[in-house]
Amino acid sequence: MRSLADSRDRRIVACLLTVGVVQLFVWSAPLAHAEETEVIQQSFDRDPKWEQYRIQILPEKLPLVRQNFGYRRSQHAGGRTPGEIGGTIQRSATLSRYSKSIPVKTLNDRLSASGKFAVTGGVGGSGVMFGWFNTKSRGWRTPNSLAFRIDGNGGDRFWVFYEYGTRNRRTGGGGAFEGERYQTTPTPPFPADGTVHQWSLNYDPQGSDGSGEITFQIDDRVYRVPLLPGHKADGAEFDRFGIWNVQTSADSIDVFFDDLVIDGQREDFTTDPNWKGENNVVQFRERVVRPFHNFGFQDTAFAGGKPGEIGGIVFRDEKPAYFGRPIAKLTLDDAFSASGKVALRDAGADSGVFLGWFNGGKKRRKSTPEHEERQTDYVGVMVEGPSRTGHYFRAAYSNSDGRGGAPFEVKDADNRRPVILPDGEVHDWKISYDPAGGDGNGRITVQFDKSIHTLDLRPEERAAGAVFDRFGLFNMQSGGHHVEIYFDDLTITRGRND
């Protein structure tokens, strides 16, 4: 018969082995000076009941979306004979298109299109695209596209932009007005009064010393813009030409197109061209409405594994919102880390979200937009970036007085921020904060799949300190659009220092 002491010893050994197994799945990099750790593992197989603040809100009445465009026997766009394409097109997160199949073209091919259009009404905060795109193209701004955009600007007026998107969502373009911004240009907007406008859109792959160049003409105005460095090499593939809606929720526009010539092929629409329609004659209530979030625990499995994860639709908005787990207070003198899986399913330009450690009380009390006063007290990952690149998965921090950083471009080629595409692919990620790193000023290390980058705190910003009492998702407090993002299989580790 075994003694009680033997049984006790076996239980101790078993416990030690169990602890060892758990730690194998924790962030593999050592936590600075950590002799004791706390580990939280969350698979989200059930609702974790984390703290919620303004994460699931709806307008009193969901807006009605009406799409009604395609072939028409009308003659609004000034064609030589009756027959044109167009109608009522509304901004919506739901894709709507009317287009024709074309031989596959790339950014190494010459492209040309011309015709007439007229805007007869609607407008408001509307938007419609016209040009080349890919069958798989989704989102705002559109990857694999080269087009011009008719953009409502309130009341009965509109602006016109010309733009492109590469396969990896790098974008560029310009506007049909003097100066860099329509908000400050002396050029008046176009009135939505039915005036017929002549236009042409051309792309020369050898233009701008081989970088590729777009030329856009509307009436008697001509504009040229080169592709940004590296964008032609990133590439794009077009297999369709036609109309599609700007995929953010807003208003509708009434617009018509005629006398179209696409790469030398004429379309006068005297008869129905039988182009393909996708959600182009529909009516429904819009759920993705700016700035109404819908994130938190979800009974889905977009980020891999069994059903159950956190995430959803998060808007950039001036008001605070978060979904966070209360934790023991941490400061910039503590070591901590987290890891898991992530999938970004949708993301427009001017959108973003944070994941990491933050201060719940300060977040709730923040009522000013970021451009007036930055958020304070956070360390984490920022999923956001300039539209010319897409969305970076990058380190970010802010101390108790709002000083910090989240650089998306650095000179060191070995320290580049990785880009996460809104394609639903599942990625592994890790983030750690080492208070002794960065020459003692603190260092954030982020791993995204096999890519690793670091961000060192500045001495004066570290000295000001910060306090964190939550871990989770929180919004960027600056007006913009939405991301749809999901996280699963989360491990959070806290190191207790000497």
Foldseek 3Di string as FASTA:
>chain_A
DDDPVVVVVVVVVVVVVVVVVVVVPPDPDDFPQFPDKDKDWFFQPDAPPFDWDQFFDDPPFFDKDFFAWAKDQDQLQPFPHGIWTFFKAFAALDKWWWWAFDPKDKLQDKWKKKFKKAWADKFAQFKKWFWFAAPPWHAAPTEQTWTKMWGGDHDFFTWIWTKYHHNQQAIDTATQFPDGDPVPTPDDTGGRHSDMKIKMWIKDCPPPPRQIKIWIDIHHGIDMDGQPPPRSVSMHMTGIGGMMTHHAHDIMTTMIIAQMAIPRRTDHRPDRPPTDIDCNGDMDGGDFHPPRHHWAWFQDALQHDHGIWTFFKHFQAQAKIWGWHFDDKDKLQWKKKKKFKKAWQHDHAPGKKWFFFAAPVQRNPRRGACVVANREFTWTWIFHDHSSRATFGWTWHHHPRGDTDTDQDDPDPLAHTDHHGNHSDMWIKMWIKHCCPPVNQIKIWIDIHNRIHMDGTDNVRSVRMHMTGIGGMMGRNHHDHIITMITRRMMMMIGDRD
